N, C-alpha and C. Protein backbone atom coordinates (compact mmCIF):
# COMPACT_ATOMS: atom_id res chain seq x y z
N UNK A 1 125.37 69.55 76.10
CA UNK A 1 126.88 69.44 76.13
C UNK A 1 127.13 70.00 77.62
N UNK A 2 128.43 69.66 78.72
CA UNK A 2 128.75 70.27 79.52
C UNK A 2 130.10 70.72 79.34
N UNK A 3 130.71 71.31 79.67
CA UNK A 3 132.29 71.41 80.28
C UNK A 3 132.60 72.11 81.01
N UNK A 4 133.25 71.39 82.20
CA UNK A 4 133.31 71.91 83.40
C UNK A 4 135.28 71.76 83.60
N UNK A 5 135.74 73.15 84.04
CA UNK A 5 136.88 73.46 83.72
C UNK A 5 137.38 73.45 85.49
N UNK A 6 138.77 73.07 85.32
CA UNK A 6 139.41 73.06 86.80
C UNK A 6 140.19 73.14 86.82
N UNK A 7 140.90 73.64 87.73
CA UNK A 7 142.74 73.43 88.02
C UNK A 7 143.25 74.77 88.37
N UNK A 8 142.46 75.90 87.91
CA UNK A 8 143.00 77.28 88.44
C UNK A 8 143.58 77.95 89.44
N UNK A 9 144.14 78.64 89.64
CA UNK A 9 144.37 79.16 91.20
C UNK A 9 145.50 80.42 90.44
N UNK A 10 146.10 80.49 92.29
CA UNK A 10 147.08 81.82 92.29
C UNK A 10 148.63 81.16 92.62
N UNK A 11 149.84 81.52 91.61
CA UNK A 11 150.40 81.18 91.95
C UNK A 11 151.94 82.01 91.20
N UNK A 12 152.90 82.13 91.71
CA UNK A 12 153.90 82.89 91.48
C UNK A 12 154.44 82.94 90.30
N UNK A 13 155.26 83.88 89.83
CA UNK A 13 155.56 83.94 88.43
C UNK A 13 156.95 82.94 88.56
N UNK A 14 156.75 82.13 87.47
CA UNK A 14 157.60 81.09 87.25
C UNK A 14 157.11 79.57 87.49
N UNK A 15 155.85 79.90 88.16
CA UNK A 15 155.36 78.34 88.58
C UNK A 15 154.39 78.01 87.63
N UNK A 16 153.67 76.95 87.63
CA UNK A 16 153.30 75.94 87.10
C UNK A 16 151.41 75.57 87.24
N UNK A 17 150.84 75.17 86.60
CA UNK A 17 149.47 75.21 86.96
C UNK A 17 149.36 73.86 85.83
N UNK A 18 148.32 73.06 85.97
CA UNK A 18 147.73 72.29 85.22
C UNK A 18 145.98 72.45 85.20
N UNK A 19 145.62 73.18 84.01
CA UNK A 19 143.93 73.20 83.76
C UNK A 19 143.46 71.91 82.91
N UNK A 20 142.33 71.36 83.71
CA UNK A 20 141.49 70.37 82.95
C UNK A 20 139.99 70.68 82.99
N UNK A 21 139.78 70.11 81.68
CA UNK A 21 137.88 70.29 81.25
C UNK A 21 137.39 69.10 80.82
N UNK A 22 136.54 68.61 81.99
CA UNK A 22 135.75 67.73 81.78
C UNK A 22 134.75 67.68 80.63
N UNK A 23 134.33 66.76 79.73
CA UNK A 23 133.31 66.95 78.56
C UNK A 23 132.38 65.81 79.13
N UNK A 24 130.92 66.20 78.52
CA UNK A 24 130.16 65.35 79.09
C UNK A 24 128.90 65.56 77.89
N UNK A 25 128.37 64.85 78.05
CA UNK A 25 126.78 65.24 76.59
C UNK A 25 127.42 65.26 75.29
N UNK A 26 128.52 64.80 75.20
CA UNK A 26 128.78 64.38 73.56
C UNK A 26 129.80 63.79 73.64
N UNK A 27 130.03 63.20 72.29
CA UNK A 27 131.05 62.05 71.71
C UNK A 27 132.41 62.87 71.23
N UNK A 28 132.94 63.08 72.69
CA UNK A 28 134.27 63.47 72.59
C UNK A 28 135.17 63.67 72.01
N UNK A 29 135.20 62.58 71.10
CA UNK A 29 136.70 62.19 70.52
C UNK A 29 136.03 62.47 69.00
N UNK A 30 134.61 63.49 68.84
CA UNK A 30 134.19 63.83 67.51
C UNK A 30 134.51 65.34 67.85
N UNK A 31 134.96 66.11 68.56
CA UNK A 31 135.07 66.97 68.58
C UNK A 31 136.77 68.03 68.68
N UNK A 32 137.08 69.09 68.26
CA UNK A 32 138.48 69.71 68.48
C UNK A 32 137.77 70.53 69.57
N UNK A 33 138.91 70.91 70.63
CA UNK A 33 138.68 71.18 71.76
C UNK A 33 139.76 72.38 71.47
N UNK A 34 139.77 73.51 72.55
CA UNK A 34 140.40 74.44 72.72
C UNK A 34 140.38 75.03 73.79
N UNK A 35 141.51 76.10 74.38
CA UNK A 35 141.51 76.90 75.44
C UNK A 35 141.48 78.32 74.93
N UNK A 36 141.16 79.19 75.69
CA UNK A 36 141.03 80.53 75.58
C UNK A 36 141.18 81.08 77.06
N UNK A 37 141.38 82.62 76.66
CA UNK A 37 141.46 82.82 78.23
C UNK A 37 140.75 84.62 77.61
N UNK A 38 140.48 84.95 78.82
CA UNK A 38 140.15 86.72 78.81
C UNK A 38 140.62 87.44 80.19
N UNK A 39 141.51 88.06 79.80
CA UNK A 39 141.94 88.97 81.06
C UNK A 39 140.88 90.31 81.21
N UNK A 40 141.01 90.91 82.11
CA UNK A 40 140.11 92.26 82.28
C UNK A 40 140.38 93.15 81.56
N UNK A 41 139.60 93.84 80.71
CA UNK A 41 139.42 94.61 79.80
C UNK A 41 140.19 94.33 78.90
N UNK A 42 139.87 92.80 78.19
CA UNK A 42 140.61 92.58 76.72
C UNK A 42 139.70 91.67 76.44
N UNK A 43 139.71 91.25 74.94
CA UNK A 43 139.10 90.22 74.74
C UNK A 43 139.40 89.15 74.88
N UNK A 44 138.88 88.10 74.59
CA UNK A 44 138.85 86.65 74.78
C UNK A 44 139.41 86.38 73.63
N UNK A 45 141.21 85.73 73.94
CA UNK A 45 142.49 85.17 72.87
C UNK A 45 142.15 83.76 73.22
N UNK A 46 142.62 83.46 71.63
CA UNK A 46 142.82 81.59 71.56
C UNK A 46 144.16 81.55 72.86
N UNK A 47 144.09 80.90 73.27
CA UNK A 47 145.66 80.18 74.12
C UNK A 47 145.77 78.94 72.97
N UNK A 48 145.56 77.97 73.18
CA UNK A 48 145.86 76.55 72.10
C UNK A 48 144.48 75.70 71.87
N UNK A 49 144.92 75.24 70.80
CA UNK A 49 143.50 73.91 70.11
C UNK A 49 144.27 72.91 69.50
N UNK A 50 143.34 71.70 69.82
CA UNK A 50 144.31 70.44 69.94
C UNK A 50 142.95 69.71 68.96
N UNK A 51 143.57 68.90 68.12
CA UNK A 51 142.56 68.05 67.04
C UNK A 51 141.78 67.03 67.15
N UNK A 52 141.38 66.35 66.91
CA UNK A 52 140.45 64.87 67.45
C UNK A 52 141.35 64.04 67.99
N UNK A 53 142.96 63.81 66.93
CA UNK A 53 143.23 63.05 66.39
C UNK A 53 144.89 62.87 67.35
N UNK A 54 144.77 63.85 68.18
CA UNK A 54 145.43 64.19 68.86
C UNK A 54 147.02 64.79 68.73
N UNK A 55 147.10 64.74 67.30
CA UNK A 55 148.41 64.88 67.12
C UNK A 55 148.80 66.72 66.42
N UNK A 56 147.49 67.05 66.20
CA UNK A 56 148.02 68.38 65.52
C UNK A 56 147.44 69.39 66.80
N UNK A 57 148.12 70.67 66.93
CA UNK A 57 148.07 71.55 67.74
C UNK A 57 148.31 72.70 67.22
N UNK A 58 147.37 73.99 68.08
CA UNK A 58 148.26 74.94 67.50
C UNK A 58 148.36 75.96 69.05
N UNK A 59 149.09 77.11 69.28
CA UNK A 59 149.26 77.51 70.21
C UNK A 59 149.32 79.62 69.72
N UNK A 60 149.21 79.82 70.77
CA UNK A 60 149.22 81.58 70.72
C UNK A 60 150.78 81.87 70.58
N UNK A 61 151.26 82.85 69.96
CA UNK A 61 152.56 82.82 69.97
C UNK A 61 153.04 83.46 71.46
N UNK A 62 152.38 83.96 72.19
CA UNK A 62 152.72 83.77 73.63
C UNK A 62 152.30 83.23 74.83
N UNK A 63 152.57 82.01 74.29
CA UNK A 63 152.32 80.93 75.26
C UNK A 63 153.15 79.54 74.30
N UNK A 64 153.66 79.92 73.39
CA UNK A 64 154.28 78.97 72.99
C UNK A 64 155.86 78.24 73.54
N UNK A 65 156.05 77.12 73.79
CA UNK A 65 157.38 76.92 74.59
C UNK A 65 156.79 76.84 75.69
N UNK A 66 155.84 76.94 76.27
CA UNK A 66 155.62 77.16 77.98
C UNK A 66 154.10 76.26 78.41
N UNK A 67 153.62 76.28 77.53
CA UNK A 67 152.35 75.89 77.31
C UNK A 67 151.69 74.43 76.18
N UNK A 68 151.31 73.25 77.04
CA UNK A 68 150.84 72.26 76.40
C UNK A 68 149.61 72.17 76.25
N UNK A 69 148.84 71.60 75.57
CA UNK A 69 147.17 71.09 75.15
C UNK A 69 147.71 69.75 75.11
N UNK A 70 147.07 69.09 75.55
CA UNK A 70 146.74 67.86 75.49
C UNK A 70 145.37 67.30 75.99
N UNK A 71 144.76 66.12 75.19
CA UNK A 71 143.58 65.42 75.43
C UNK A 71 143.43 63.89 75.59
N UNK A 72 142.62 63.04 76.27
CA UNK A 72 142.64 62.06 76.57
C UNK A 72 141.18 61.66 76.17
N UNK A 73 140.67 60.99 75.25
CA UNK A 73 139.64 60.88 74.88
C UNK A 73 138.91 59.76 75.29
N UNK A 74 139.94 58.79 76.22
CA UNK A 74 138.86 58.09 76.83
C UNK A 74 138.48 58.27 78.30
N UNK A 75 139.14 59.82 78.84
CA UNK A 75 138.35 60.16 80.07
C UNK A 75 137.82 61.63 79.65
N UNK A 76 137.26 61.60 78.52
CA UNK A 76 136.66 63.48 78.14
C UNK A 76 137.43 64.29 78.75
N UNK A 77 138.64 64.28 78.44
CA UNK A 77 138.86 65.50 79.08
C UNK A 77 140.19 66.07 78.14
N UNK A 78 140.19 67.08 78.13
CA UNK A 78 141.23 68.25 77.43
C UNK A 78 142.07 68.91 78.89
N UNK A 79 143.44 69.07 78.71
CA UNK A 79 144.60 69.87 79.64
C UNK A 79 144.84 70.48 79.24
N UNK A 80 145.57 71.95 79.63
CA UNK A 80 146.77 72.80 79.63
C UNK A 80 147.44 72.62 80.66
N UNK A 81 148.91 71.98 80.49
CA UNK A 81 149.82 72.20 81.31
C UNK A 81 150.49 73.63 80.99
N UNK A 82 150.20 74.34 81.87
CA UNK A 82 151.09 75.94 81.77
C UNK A 82 152.41 76.09 82.76
N UNK A 83 153.41 76.43 82.16
CA UNK A 83 154.73 76.83 83.05
C UNK A 83 155.38 78.02 82.89
N UNK A 84 156.39 78.30 83.40
CA UNK A 84 156.97 79.24 83.19
C UNK A 84 155.80 80.59 83.53
N UNK A 85 154.94 80.37 84.06
CA UNK A 85 153.74 81.17 84.20
C UNK A 85 154.12 82.67 84.31
N UNK A 86 153.65 83.99 83.75
CA UNK A 86 153.89 85.15 84.14
C UNK A 86 153.01 85.71 84.40
N UNK A 87 153.03 86.99 85.05
CA UNK A 87 151.66 87.98 85.34
C UNK A 87 151.04 88.27 84.17
N UNK A 88 151.25 88.34 82.95
CA UNK A 88 150.16 88.92 82.07
C UNK A 88 149.49 87.38 81.25
N UNK A 89 149.84 86.17 82.28
CA UNK A 89 148.93 85.17 81.93
C UNK A 89 147.83 84.91 82.56
N UNK A 90 147.84 86.03 83.61
CA UNK A 90 146.54 86.57 84.23
C UNK A 90 145.62 86.35 83.65
N UNK A 91 144.37 85.72 84.05
CA UNK A 91 143.05 85.39 83.22
C UNK A 91 142.16 84.36 83.59
N UNK A 92 140.95 84.53 83.13
CA UNK A 92 139.73 83.25 83.12
C UNK A 92 139.91 82.68 82.05
N UNK A 93 140.47 81.40 82.26
CA UNK A 93 140.89 80.25 81.15
C UNK A 93 139.12 79.69 80.80
N UNK A 94 139.03 79.50 79.80
CA UNK A 94 137.90 78.88 79.28
C UNK A 94 138.44 77.73 78.33
N UNK A 95 137.59 76.61 78.74
CA UNK A 95 137.69 75.39 77.38
C UNK A 95 136.54 75.50 76.68
N UNK A 96 136.09 75.14 75.31
CA UNK A 96 135.84 75.30 74.26
C UNK A 96 135.75 74.13 73.43
N UNK A 97 134.56 73.46 72.91
CA UNK A 97 134.13 72.86 72.24
C UNK A 97 133.53 72.53 70.49
N UNK A 98 133.95 71.82 69.78
CA UNK A 98 133.06 71.99 68.28
C UNK A 98 132.87 70.47 67.47
N UNK A 99 131.96 70.39 67.03
CA UNK A 99 132.18 69.47 66.42
C UNK A 99 133.07 69.70 64.95
N UNK A 100 133.39 68.52 64.42
CA UNK A 100 134.39 68.57 63.08
C UNK A 100 134.43 67.10 62.69
N UNK A 101 134.28 67.19 61.12
CA UNK A 101 134.43 65.70 60.92
C UNK A 101 135.75 65.38 60.71
N UNK A 102 136.76 66.41 60.01
CA UNK A 102 138.33 65.80 60.22
C UNK A 102 138.70 65.93 61.35
N UNK A 103 139.39 64.31 61.34
CA UNK A 103 140.48 63.99 62.32
C UNK A 103 141.42 65.06 62.76
N UNK A 104 141.96 65.19 61.50
CA UNK A 104 143.49 66.47 61.74
C UNK A 104 143.06 67.71 61.75
N UNK A 105 142.12 68.57 61.86
CA UNK A 105 141.93 70.00 61.84
C UNK A 105 141.97 70.37 63.09
N UNK A 106 141.89 71.65 63.52
CA UNK A 106 142.19 72.28 64.33
C UNK A 106 141.20 73.59 64.11
N UNK A 107 140.98 74.49 65.15
CA UNK A 107 139.72 75.64 64.90
C UNK A 107 140.67 76.76 65.38
N UNK A 108 140.87 77.43 65.18
CA UNK A 108 141.64 78.76 66.04
C UNK A 108 141.04 79.83 66.20
N UNK A 109 139.55 80.21 65.21
CA UNK A 109 139.03 81.25 66.22
C UNK A 109 137.75 80.81 66.92
N UNK A 110 137.44 82.17 67.26
CA UNK A 110 136.77 81.87 68.88
C UNK A 110 135.21 81.71 68.14
N UNK A 111 134.76 82.00 66.92
CA UNK A 111 133.48 82.11 66.87
C UNK A 111 133.04 80.61 66.28
N UNK A 112 134.35 80.14 65.98
CA UNK A 112 134.41 78.38 65.59
C UNK A 112 133.86 77.30 66.64
N UNK A 113 133.26 77.42 67.80
CA UNK A 113 133.47 77.42 68.68
C UNK A 113 131.61 76.95 69.27
N UNK A 114 131.38 76.14 69.60
CA UNK A 114 129.76 76.22 69.88
C UNK A 114 129.63 75.89 70.98
N UNK A 115 130.71 75.38 71.82
CA UNK A 115 130.19 75.24 73.42
C UNK A 115 131.79 75.26 74.36
N UNK A 116 130.94 76.38 75.27
CA UNK A 116 132.00 77.14 76.14
C UNK A 116 131.89 76.42 77.46
N UNK A 117 133.18 76.37 78.17
CA UNK A 117 132.91 75.79 80.05
C UNK A 117 132.76 77.01 80.59
N UNK A 118 132.78 77.18 82.04
CA UNK A 118 132.52 78.44 82.69
C UNK A 118 133.81 78.79 83.42
N UNK A 119 134.85 78.41 82.79
CA UNK A 119 135.95 79.35 83.09
C UNK A 119 136.60 79.10 84.66
N UNK A 120 137.91 79.07 84.42
CA UNK A 120 138.34 79.11 85.56
C UNK A 120 139.90 80.25 85.51
N UNK A 121 139.69 80.66 87.03
CA UNK A 121 140.63 81.85 87.32
C UNK A 121 142.29 81.36 87.27
N UNK A 122 142.92 82.15 86.79
CA UNK A 122 144.64 81.76 86.83
C UNK A 122 145.00 83.13 87.19
N UNK A 123 145.47 83.45 88.13
CA UNK A 123 146.48 84.51 88.82
C UNK A 123 147.57 84.53 88.97
N UNK A 124 148.49 84.97 88.63
CA UNK A 124 149.68 85.02 88.26
C UNK A 124 150.52 86.09 89.01
N UNK A 125 151.25 86.03 89.98
CA UNK A 125 152.05 87.14 90.51
C UNK A 125 153.36 87.53 90.82
N UNK A 126 153.99 88.73 90.65
CA UNK A 126 154.97 88.47 90.15
C UNK A 126 156.37 88.95 91.57
């Protein structure tokens, strides 16, 4: 299983970025997907997660209303649209995947994911 994250960069506060995570080596539609982030000196935390069925999502309180997670099972890709970015969103963002039998379940705990991408840096300046 390989997860390749991309789309990070440097933006000013209030700007937008769209992260992508392309998956290979797995039957993508059978996996719940998540985005996590880790800022310097802090623990890795959940940003968002999405079910196999596309319609169940969960977000960290800090990003609700600003970030949107989505997936395209035909392209084996999960996305994270980030709007109204703030300096506190600065972190390395990781995508993660785990097999799950339920179509409409999500996984919110970091320990629930077996596969991780390499991370992409997002830097938001004030």
